[in-house]
């Protein structure tokens, strides 16, 4: 039985030049391994290591996909809660200003909605590129899922006046616009 190299040469799939080159390359690898430049690795060990690396890469990829899927689910939940409980502000005639991404935005609301916003009874929530008014209960549920989605939610019960406050006798007028 002749070697594989001889069989390939007889079949015309390889020539003497390629065979010499392959032998020389193998000899160079052995010499490098003897000098300690590279480690010759057992094929079984190499296959095991490659399987472990592939499994680790698959785990990381699956974790990224899972995180992306959860992020999309949360965004869908926020959108659904906001759309179901939005408060109509189409008849708004009072400009209410709030901060979004370090920019001052203006929402047109009714006078009653303005008072509710100030007292913390309703909140402003981001929805896509716009914003909507929702009850405080819904805003709290949205805040649990994503802090950034709630643009304005005033705390209830801030009406108490400190006894040491020198301006306690001068209340801020409700119609004061900055």
N, C-alpha and C. Protein backbone atom coordinates (compact mmCIF):
# COMPACT_ATOMS: atom_id res chain seq x y z
N UNK A 1 0.85 -1.17 0.00
CA UNK A 1 0.00 0.00 0.00
C UNK A 1 0.89 1.24 0.00
N UNK A 2 0.70 2.10 -0.91
CA UNK A 2 1.51 3.31 -0.99
C UNK A 2 0.90 4.40 -0.11
N UNK A 3 1.70 5.43 0.20
CA UNK A 3 1.22 6.50 1.07
C UNK A 3 0.18 7.36 0.34
N UNK A 4 -0.50 8.14 1.12
CA UNK A 4 -1.54 9.02 0.57
C UNK A 4 -0.91 10.00 -0.42
N UNK A 5 0.28 10.46 -0.09
CA UNK A 5 0.97 11.40 -0.96
C UNK A 5 1.24 10.78 -2.33
N UNK A 6 1.70 9.54 -2.33
CA UNK A 6 1.97 8.85 -3.59
C UNK A 6 0.68 8.61 -4.36
N UNK A 7 -0.40 8.25 -3.64
CA UNK A 7 -1.68 8.01 -4.30
C UNK A 7 -2.19 9.30 -4.98
N UNK A 8 -2.04 10.45 -4.30
CA UNK A 8 -2.48 11.72 -4.86
C UNK A 8 -1.65 12.09 -6.09
N UNK A 9 -0.35 11.79 -6.04
CA UNK A 9 0.50 12.09 -7.19
C UNK A 9 0.14 11.21 -8.38
N UNK A 10 -0.19 9.92 -8.13
CA UNK A 10 -0.59 9.02 -9.21
C UNK A 10 -1.91 9.46 -9.83
N UNK A 11 -2.82 9.98 -8.98
CA UNK A 11 -4.13 10.40 -9.47
C UNK A 11 -4.04 11.76 -10.19
N UNK A 12 -2.93 12.43 -10.05
CA UNK A 12 -2.74 13.72 -10.71
C UNK A 12 -3.28 14.89 -9.91
N UNK A 13 -3.63 14.65 -8.66
CA UNK A 13 -4.15 15.73 -7.82
C UNK A 13 -3.03 16.52 -7.15
N UNK A 14 -1.83 15.99 -7.11
CA UNK A 14 -0.71 16.69 -6.50
C UNK A 14 0.53 16.43 -7.34
N UNK A 15 1.53 17.27 -7.22
CA UNK A 15 2.78 17.05 -7.93
C UNK A 15 3.93 17.03 -6.93
N UNK A 16 5.15 16.75 -7.42
CA UNK A 16 6.31 16.62 -6.54
C UNK A 16 6.63 17.93 -5.83
N UNK A 17 6.39 19.02 -6.49
CA UNK A 17 6.69 20.33 -5.91
C UNK A 17 5.82 20.58 -4.67
N UNK A 18 4.52 20.29 -4.77
CA UNK A 18 3.61 20.46 -3.62
C UNK A 18 3.96 19.49 -2.50
N UNK A 19 4.36 18.28 -2.87
CA UNK A 19 4.72 17.28 -1.86
C UNK A 19 5.96 17.74 -1.09
N UNK A 20 6.98 18.24 -1.80
CA UNK A 20 8.19 18.74 -1.15
C UNK A 20 7.86 19.91 -0.22
N UNK A 21 7.00 20.79 -0.69
CA UNK A 21 6.61 21.97 0.11
C UNK A 21 5.89 21.54 1.40
N UNK A 22 5.02 20.56 1.30
CA UNK A 22 4.29 20.08 2.48
C UNK A 22 5.24 19.44 3.48
N UNK A 23 6.22 18.62 2.99
CA UNK A 23 7.20 17.99 3.90
C UNK A 23 8.04 19.06 4.60
N UNK A 24 8.47 20.06 3.83
CA UNK A 24 9.29 21.12 4.41
C UNK A 24 8.52 21.89 5.47
N UNK A 25 7.26 22.19 5.20
CA UNK A 25 6.45 22.92 6.17
C UNK A 25 6.27 22.11 7.44
N UNK A 26 6.06 20.82 7.31
CA UNK A 26 5.88 19.95 8.48
C UNK A 26 7.17 19.93 9.29
N UNK A 27 8.34 19.82 8.61
CA UNK A 27 9.63 19.83 9.29
C UNK A 27 9.85 21.14 10.04
N UNK A 28 9.46 22.28 9.42
CA UNK A 28 9.62 23.58 10.07
C UNK A 28 8.76 23.68 11.33
N UNK A 29 7.55 23.15 11.29
CA UNK A 29 6.68 23.17 12.47
C UNK A 29 7.29 22.34 13.60
N UNK A 30 7.83 21.18 13.26
CA UNK A 30 8.46 20.33 14.28
C UNK A 30 9.65 21.05 14.89
N UNK A 31 10.48 21.69 14.05
CA UNK A 31 11.64 22.41 14.57
C UNK A 31 11.22 23.57 15.46
N UNK A 32 10.18 24.31 15.06
CA UNK A 32 9.69 25.42 15.90
C UNK A 32 9.17 24.90 17.23
N UNK A 33 8.51 23.76 17.19
CA UNK A 33 7.99 23.17 18.43
C UNK A 33 9.15 22.78 19.34
N UNK A 34 10.23 22.24 18.77
CA UNK A 34 11.39 21.86 19.59
C UNK A 34 12.03 23.09 20.22
N UNK A 35 12.07 24.20 19.49
CA UNK A 35 12.68 25.42 20.02
C UNK A 35 11.75 26.13 21.00
N UNK A 36 10.47 25.75 21.04
CA UNK A 36 9.52 26.37 21.96
C UNK A 36 8.79 27.56 21.37
N UNK A 37 8.93 27.79 20.07
CA UNK A 37 8.24 28.91 19.45
C UNK A 37 6.75 28.66 19.32
N UNK A 38 6.38 27.43 19.02
CA UNK A 38 4.96 27.07 18.96
C UNK A 38 4.78 25.74 19.67
N UNK A 39 3.57 25.48 20.08
CA UNK A 39 3.25 24.21 20.71
C UNK A 39 2.47 23.37 19.72
N UNK A 40 2.99 22.19 19.48
CA UNK A 40 2.21 21.26 18.67
C UNK A 40 1.12 20.71 19.56
N UNK A 41 -0.05 20.71 19.05
CA UNK A 41 -1.20 20.35 19.86
C UNK A 41 -1.77 19.03 19.38
N UNK A 42 -2.17 18.25 20.33
CA UNK A 42 -2.82 16.99 20.01
C UNK A 42 -4.14 17.29 19.29
N UNK A 43 -4.43 16.64 18.17
CA UNK A 43 -5.66 16.93 17.44
C UNK A 43 -6.92 16.79 18.30
N UNK A 44 -6.94 15.81 19.17
CA UNK A 44 -8.11 15.63 20.03
C UNK A 44 -8.24 16.80 21.00
N UNK A 45 -7.11 17.23 21.53
CA UNK A 45 -7.11 18.37 22.46
C UNK A 45 -7.54 19.64 21.73
N UNK A 46 -7.04 19.82 20.52
CA UNK A 46 -7.41 20.99 19.73
C UNK A 46 -8.89 20.99 19.41
N UNK A 47 -9.44 19.84 19.04
CA UNK A 47 -10.87 19.73 18.74
C UNK A 47 -11.71 20.05 19.97
N UNK A 48 -11.27 19.55 21.14
CA UNK A 48 -11.99 19.82 22.39
C UNK A 48 -11.97 21.31 22.71
N UNK A 49 -10.79 21.93 22.53
CA UNK A 49 -10.66 23.37 22.81
C UNK A 49 -11.54 24.19 21.86
N UNK A 50 -11.55 23.81 20.58
CA UNK A 50 -12.38 24.52 19.61
C UNK A 50 -13.87 24.38 19.93
N UNK A 51 -14.27 23.19 20.37
CA UNK A 51 -15.68 22.99 20.77
C UNK A 51 -16.04 23.87 21.96
N UNK A 52 -15.13 23.97 22.93
CA UNK A 52 -15.38 24.81 24.11
C UNK A 52 -15.48 26.28 23.71
N UNK A 53 -14.59 26.73 22.83
CA UNK A 53 -14.63 28.12 22.38
C UNK A 53 -15.92 28.40 21.62
N UNK A 54 -16.34 27.46 20.79
CA UNK A 54 -17.58 27.64 20.03
C UNK A 54 -18.79 27.67 20.97
N UNK A 55 -18.77 26.79 21.98
CA UNK A 55 -19.88 26.77 22.94
C UNK A 55 -19.95 28.08 23.71
N UNK A 56 -18.79 28.62 24.09
CA UNK A 56 -18.76 29.90 24.81
C UNK A 56 -19.27 31.04 23.92
N UNK A 57 -18.87 31.03 22.67
CA UNK A 57 -19.34 32.05 21.74
C UNK A 57 -20.85 31.94 21.54
N UNK A 58 -21.36 30.72 21.47
CA UNK A 58 -22.80 30.52 21.33
C UNK A 58 -23.56 31.02 22.56
N UNK A 59 -23.00 30.78 23.75
CA UNK A 59 -23.64 31.25 24.98
C UNK A 59 -23.70 32.79 25.01
N UNK A 60 -22.60 33.43 24.62
CA UNK A 60 -22.58 34.89 24.61
C UNK A 60 -23.59 35.44 23.60
N UNK A 61 -23.65 34.84 22.43
CA UNK A 61 -24.58 35.29 21.41
C UNK A 61 -26.03 35.12 21.87
N UNK A 62 -26.31 34.00 22.52
CA UNK A 62 -27.67 33.76 23.01
C UNK A 62 -28.02 34.75 24.12
N UNK A 63 -27.05 35.07 24.99
CA UNK A 63 -27.30 36.05 26.06
C UNK A 63 -27.61 37.42 25.46
N UNK A 64 -26.88 37.81 24.41
CA UNK A 64 -27.14 39.10 23.75
C UNK A 64 -28.52 39.11 23.11
N UNK A 65 -28.88 38.01 22.48
CA UNK A 65 -30.21 37.93 21.86
C UNK A 65 -31.31 38.00 22.90
N UNK A 66 -31.09 37.33 24.03
CA UNK A 66 -32.09 37.35 25.10
C UNK A 66 -32.24 38.76 25.66
N UNK A 67 -31.13 39.47 25.87
CA UNK A 67 -31.19 40.84 26.38
C UNK A 67 -31.92 41.75 25.40
N UNK A 68 -31.65 41.59 24.11
CA UNK A 68 -32.33 42.39 23.10
C UNK A 68 -33.82 42.10 23.07
N UNK A 69 -34.17 40.81 23.20
CA UNK A 69 -35.58 40.41 23.21
C UNK A 69 -36.30 41.00 24.42
N UNK A 70 -35.65 40.96 25.60
CA UNK A 70 -36.25 41.53 26.81
C UNK A 70 -36.43 43.04 26.67
N UNK A 71 -35.45 43.69 26.05
CA UNK A 71 -35.53 45.15 25.85
C UNK A 71 -36.73 45.49 24.96
N UNK A 72 -36.93 44.72 23.91
CA UNK A 72 -38.07 44.95 23.02
C UNK A 72 -39.39 44.68 23.74
N UNK A 73 -39.43 43.63 24.58
CA UNK A 73 -40.65 43.33 25.33
C UNK A 73 -41.01 44.47 26.28
N UNK A 74 -40.00 45.01 26.96
CA UNK A 74 -40.24 46.12 27.89
C UNK A 74 -40.75 47.34 27.14
N UNK A 75 -40.15 47.63 25.98
CA UNK A 75 -40.59 48.77 25.18
C UNK A 75 -42.04 48.58 24.73
N UNK A 76 -42.40 47.36 24.36
CA UNK A 76 -43.78 47.08 23.94
C UNK A 76 -44.74 47.23 25.11
N UNK A 77 -44.34 46.78 26.30
CA UNK A 77 -45.19 46.93 27.49
C UNK A 77 -45.41 48.41 27.81
N UNK A 78 -44.35 49.19 27.75
CA UNK A 78 -44.46 50.63 28.04
C UNK A 78 -45.38 51.29 27.04
N UNK A 79 -45.23 50.96 25.77
CA UNK A 79 -46.07 51.54 24.72
C UNK A 79 -47.53 51.17 24.95
N UNK A 80 -47.79 49.92 25.28
CA UNK A 80 -49.16 49.47 25.50
C UNK A 80 -49.79 50.17 26.70
N UNK A 81 -49.05 50.24 27.83
CA UNK A 81 -49.59 50.90 29.02
C UNK A 81 -49.87 52.38 28.74
N UNK A 82 -48.97 53.03 28.03
CA UNK A 82 -49.14 54.46 27.74
C UNK A 82 -50.34 54.69 26.84
N UNK A 83 -50.47 53.89 25.79
CA UNK A 83 -51.58 54.07 24.86
C UNK A 83 -52.93 53.76 25.50
N UNK A 84 -52.97 52.78 26.39
CA UNK A 84 -54.23 52.41 27.03
C UNK A 84 -54.70 53.43 28.05
N UNK A 85 -53.76 54.12 28.70
CA UNK A 85 -54.17 55.01 29.78
C UNK A 85 -53.82 56.47 29.52
N UNK A 86 -53.59 56.84 28.27
CA UNK A 86 -53.27 58.23 27.97
C UNK A 86 -54.45 59.14 28.26
N UNK A 87 -54.12 60.34 28.67
CA UNK A 87 -55.13 61.34 28.98
C UNK A 87 -55.19 62.31 27.81
N UNK A 88 -56.39 62.61 27.34
CA UNK A 88 -56.57 63.47 26.18
C UNK A 88 -56.14 64.89 26.52
N UNK A 89 -55.26 65.45 25.73
CA UNK A 89 -54.80 66.83 25.94
C UNK A 89 -55.01 67.66 24.68
N UNK A 90 -55.97 67.26 23.86
CA UNK A 90 -56.21 67.95 22.59
C UNK A 90 -56.80 69.34 22.79
N UNK A 91 -57.50 69.57 23.89
CA UNK A 91 -58.10 70.89 24.15
C UNK A 91 -57.21 71.74 25.03
N UNK A 92 -55.92 71.43 25.06
CA UNK A 92 -54.98 72.16 25.92
C UNK A 92 -54.76 73.58 25.45
N UNK A 93 -54.84 74.51 26.40
CA UNK A 93 -54.63 75.92 26.08
C UNK A 93 -53.56 76.55 26.98
N UNK A 94 -52.97 75.75 27.88
CA UNK A 94 -51.94 76.24 28.79
C UNK A 94 -50.64 75.53 28.45
N UNK A 95 -49.58 76.29 28.30
CA UNK A 95 -48.28 75.69 27.99
C UNK A 95 -47.63 75.22 29.28
N UNK A 96 -47.30 73.94 29.34
CA UNK A 96 -46.61 73.36 30.50
C UNK A 96 -45.22 72.94 30.04
N UNK A 97 -44.20 73.46 30.71
CA UNK A 97 -42.83 73.19 30.29
C UNK A 97 -42.19 72.13 31.18
N UNK A 98 -41.39 71.26 30.55
CA UNK A 98 -40.67 70.21 31.25
C UNK A 98 -39.37 69.94 30.52
N UNK A 99 -38.49 69.16 31.14
CA UNK A 99 -37.17 68.90 30.57
C UNK A 99 -37.13 67.48 30.00
N UNK A 100 -36.63 67.38 28.75
CA UNK A 100 -36.42 66.08 28.12
C UNK A 100 -35.07 66.13 27.42
N UNK A 101 -34.16 65.25 27.80
CA UNK A 101 -32.82 65.18 27.21
C UNK A 101 -32.11 66.52 27.25
N UNK A 102 -32.14 67.17 28.39
CA UNK A 102 -31.47 68.46 28.62
C UNK A 102 -32.02 69.58 27.74
N UNK A 103 -33.24 69.40 27.25
CA UNK A 103 -33.90 70.44 26.47
C UNK A 103 -35.26 70.73 27.10
N UNK A 104 -35.66 71.98 27.05
CA UNK A 104 -36.96 72.35 27.60
C UNK A 104 -38.01 72.13 26.52
N UNK A 105 -38.99 71.32 26.86
CA UNK A 105 -40.08 71.01 25.93
C UNK A 105 -41.35 71.65 26.46
N UNK A 106 -42.32 71.83 25.59
CA UNK A 106 -43.57 72.47 25.96
C UNK A 106 -44.72 71.54 25.57
N UNK A 107 -45.61 71.29 26.53
CA UNK A 107 -46.81 70.49 26.27
C UNK A 107 -48.02 71.39 26.50
N UNK A 108 -48.97 71.32 25.60
CA UNK A 108 -50.19 72.10 25.76
C UNK A 108 -51.20 71.25 26.50
N UNK A 109 -51.61 71.73 27.68
CA UNK A 109 -52.55 71.01 28.54
C UNK A 109 -53.65 71.96 28.99
N UNK A 110 -54.69 71.39 29.57
CA UNK A 110 -55.75 72.22 30.14
C UNK A 110 -55.30 72.73 31.51
N UNK A 111 -56.01 73.70 32.04
CA UNK A 111 -55.66 74.25 33.36
C UNK A 111 -55.77 73.18 34.44
N UNK A 112 -56.79 72.32 34.34
CA UNK A 112 -56.97 71.25 35.32
C UNK A 112 -55.80 70.26 35.23
N UNK A 113 -55.36 69.92 34.02
CA UNK A 113 -54.24 69.01 33.86
C UNK A 113 -52.94 69.62 34.38
N UNK A 114 -52.81 70.93 34.23
CA UNK A 114 -51.63 71.61 34.75
C UNK A 114 -51.57 71.49 36.28
N UNK A 115 -52.70 71.69 36.93
CA UNK A 115 -52.75 71.54 38.38
C UNK A 115 -52.46 70.10 38.80
N UNK A 116 -52.99 69.14 38.05
CA UNK A 116 -52.74 67.74 38.36
C UNK A 116 -51.27 67.39 38.18
N UNK A 117 -50.64 67.95 37.16
CA UNK A 117 -49.21 67.72 36.96
C UNK A 117 -48.40 68.29 38.12
N UNK A 118 -48.76 69.48 38.55
CA UNK A 118 -48.03 70.13 39.64
C UNK A 118 -48.19 69.37 40.95
N UNK A 119 -49.37 68.81 41.19
CA UNK A 119 -49.65 68.08 42.43
C UNK A 119 -49.15 66.63 42.37
N UNK A 120 -48.74 66.17 41.20
CA UNK A 120 -48.25 64.80 41.09
C UNK A 120 -49.35 63.78 40.88
N UNK A 121 -50.51 64.21 40.41
CA UNK A 121 -51.62 63.28 40.18
C UNK A 121 -51.52 62.64 38.79
N UNK A 122 -50.89 63.32 37.86
CA UNK A 122 -50.63 62.74 36.54
C UNK A 122 -49.17 63.00 36.20
N UNK A 123 -48.67 62.30 35.18
CA UNK A 123 -47.26 62.40 34.82
C UNK A 123 -47.12 62.51 33.30
N UNK A 124 -45.93 62.91 32.87
CA UNK A 124 -45.62 62.97 31.44
C UNK A 124 -44.66 61.83 31.13
N UNK A 125 -45.03 61.04 30.11
CA UNK A 125 -44.26 59.87 29.72
C UNK A 125 -43.89 59.98 28.25
N UNK A 126 -42.66 59.58 27.91
CA UNK A 126 -42.20 59.60 26.51
C UNK A 126 -42.83 58.43 25.77
N UNK A 127 -43.32 58.71 24.56
CA UNK A 127 -43.88 57.67 23.70
C UNK A 127 -43.35 57.93 22.29
N UNK A 128 -42.35 57.17 21.89
CA UNK A 128 -41.73 57.39 20.59
C UNK A 128 -41.02 58.73 20.59
N UNK A 129 -41.32 59.56 19.62
CA UNK A 129 -40.73 60.90 19.56
C UNK A 129 -41.55 61.92 20.33
N UNK A 130 -42.76 61.55 20.75
CA UNK A 130 -43.64 62.48 21.45
C UNK A 130 -43.73 62.14 22.93
N UNK A 131 -44.80 62.64 23.55
CA UNK A 131 -45.02 62.40 24.97
C UNK A 131 -46.52 62.41 25.23
N UNK A 132 -46.91 61.75 26.31
CA UNK A 132 -48.31 61.62 26.67
C UNK A 132 -48.48 61.84 28.16
N UNK A 133 -49.70 62.21 28.56
CA UNK A 133 -50.06 62.35 29.96
C UNK A 133 -50.70 61.04 30.41
N UNK A 134 -50.26 60.52 31.57
CA UNK A 134 -50.83 59.29 32.12
C UNK A 134 -51.01 59.46 33.62
N UNK A 135 -51.91 58.67 34.23
CA UNK A 135 -52.05 58.73 35.69
C UNK A 135 -50.76 58.31 36.40
N UNK A 136 -50.61 58.74 37.63
CA UNK A 136 -49.40 58.47 38.41
C UNK A 136 -49.18 56.97 38.60
N UNK A 137 -50.25 56.21 38.80
CA UNK A 137 -50.13 54.76 39.01
C UNK A 137 -49.46 54.10 37.80
N UNK A 138 -49.89 54.49 36.63
CA UNK A 138 -49.31 53.94 35.40
C UNK A 138 -47.87 54.40 35.25
N UNK A 139 -47.60 55.66 35.58
CA UNK A 139 -46.24 56.20 35.47
C UNK A 139 -45.28 55.44 36.40
N UNK A 140 -45.75 55.06 37.57
CA UNK A 140 -44.91 54.28 38.50
C UNK A 140 -44.59 52.91 37.91
N UNK A 141 -45.57 52.27 37.28
CA UNK A 141 -45.34 50.96 36.64
C UNK A 141 -44.35 51.11 35.49
N UNK A 142 -44.47 52.19 34.74
CA UNK A 142 -43.54 52.43 33.63
C UNK A 142 -42.14 52.70 34.17
N UNK A 143 -42.05 53.46 35.25
CA UNK A 143 -40.75 53.77 35.86
C UNK A 143 -40.04 52.50 36.34
N UNK A 144 -40.80 51.51 36.81
CA UNK A 144 -40.20 50.25 37.24
C UNK A 144 -39.54 49.55 36.06
N UNK A 145 -40.09 49.70 34.88
CA UNK A 145 -39.53 49.04 33.69
C UNK A 145 -38.42 49.85 33.04
N UNK A 146 -38.60 51.20 33.00
CA UNK A 146 -37.60 52.05 32.36
C UNK A 146 -37.66 53.44 32.98
N UNK A 147 -36.60 53.82 33.68
CA UNK A 147 -36.54 55.12 34.34
C UNK A 147 -36.59 56.27 33.33
N UNK A 148 -35.99 56.08 32.16
CA UNK A 148 -35.87 57.15 31.18
C UNK A 148 -37.20 57.48 30.51
N UNK A 149 -38.17 56.59 30.56
CA UNK A 149 -39.44 56.81 29.86
C UNK A 149 -40.31 57.84 30.58
N UNK A 150 -40.17 57.96 31.89
CA UNK A 150 -40.97 58.92 32.66
C UNK A 150 -40.23 60.26 32.66
N UNK A 151 -40.81 61.24 31.98
CA UNK A 151 -40.17 62.54 31.84
C UNK A 151 -40.45 63.46 33.02
N UNK A 152 -41.67 63.40 33.56
CA UNK A 152 -42.02 64.26 34.68
C UNK A 152 -43.01 63.54 35.58
N UNK A 153 -42.66 63.41 36.83
CA UNK A 153 -43.55 62.83 37.83
C UNK A 153 -43.25 63.54 39.15
N UNK A 154 -44.08 64.52 39.49
CA UNK A 154 -43.89 65.26 40.73
C UNK A 154 -44.35 64.40 41.90
N UNK A 155 -43.68 64.56 43.04
CA UNK A 155 -44.03 63.82 44.24
C UNK A 155 -45.24 64.45 44.90
N UNK A 156 -46.10 63.60 45.40
CA UNK A 156 -47.29 64.10 46.11
C UNK A 156 -46.90 64.52 47.51
N UNK A 157 -47.63 65.49 48.05
CA UNK A 157 -47.43 65.90 49.44
C UNK A 157 -46.30 66.89 49.65
N UNK A 158 -45.89 67.61 48.64
CA UNK A 158 -44.85 68.62 48.79
C UNK A 158 -45.41 69.97 49.22
N UNK A 159 -46.64 70.01 49.69
CA UNK A 159 -47.31 71.27 50.01
C UNK A 159 -46.97 71.78 51.41
N UNK A 160 -46.22 71.01 52.20
CA UNK A 160 -45.89 71.43 53.56
C UNK A 160 -44.85 72.56 53.52
N UNK A 161 -45.01 73.53 54.44
CA UNK A 161 -44.11 74.67 54.50
C UNK A 161 -43.22 74.51 55.72
N UNK A 162 -41.93 74.72 55.55
CA UNK A 162 -40.97 74.61 56.64
C UNK A 162 -41.11 75.83 57.55
N UNK A 163 -41.05 75.62 58.86
CA UNK A 163 -41.21 76.73 59.81
C UNK A 163 -40.05 77.72 59.73
N UNK A 164 -38.87 77.27 59.34
CA UNK A 164 -37.71 78.15 59.27
C UNK A 164 -37.61 78.90 57.94
N UNK A 165 -38.50 78.65 57.03
CA UNK A 165 -38.46 79.26 55.70
C UNK A 165 -38.83 80.75 55.81
N UNK A 166 -37.94 81.66 55.42
CA UNK A 166 -38.24 83.09 55.54
C UNK A 166 -39.31 83.55 54.54
N UNK A 167 -39.59 82.75 53.51
CA UNK A 167 -40.58 83.12 52.51
C UNK A 167 -41.89 82.36 52.68
N UNK A 168 -42.12 81.79 53.85
CA UNK A 168 -43.32 80.99 54.06
C UNK A 168 -44.60 81.82 53.96
N UNK A 169 -44.51 83.12 54.21
CA UNK A 169 -45.70 83.98 54.13
C UNK A 169 -45.96 84.47 52.70
N UNK A 170 -45.11 84.11 51.76
CA UNK A 170 -45.24 84.55 50.38
C UNK A 170 -45.41 83.34 49.45
N UNK A 171 -46.63 82.87 49.29
CA UNK A 171 -46.82 81.68 48.44
C UNK A 171 -46.57 82.01 46.97
N UNK A 172 -46.19 81.00 46.21
CA UNK A 172 -45.94 81.18 44.78
C UNK A 172 -47.28 81.16 44.06
N UNK A 173 -47.56 82.17 43.26
CA UNK A 173 -48.85 82.19 42.55
C UNK A 173 -48.94 81.06 41.55
N UNK A 174 -50.16 80.55 41.37
CA UNK A 174 -50.39 79.43 40.46
C UNK A 174 -50.20 79.82 39.00
N UNK A 175 -50.44 81.08 38.68
CA UNK A 175 -50.36 81.50 37.29
C UNK A 175 -48.99 82.04 36.90
N UNK A 176 -47.98 81.87 37.75
CA UNK A 176 -46.65 82.37 37.47
C UNK A 176 -46.02 81.55 36.34
N UNK A 177 -45.61 82.23 35.30
CA UNK A 177 -44.95 81.57 34.16
C UNK A 177 -43.53 82.07 34.08
N UNK A 178 -42.58 81.22 33.93
CA UNK A 178 -41.16 81.60 33.87
C UNK A 178 -40.79 82.02 32.49
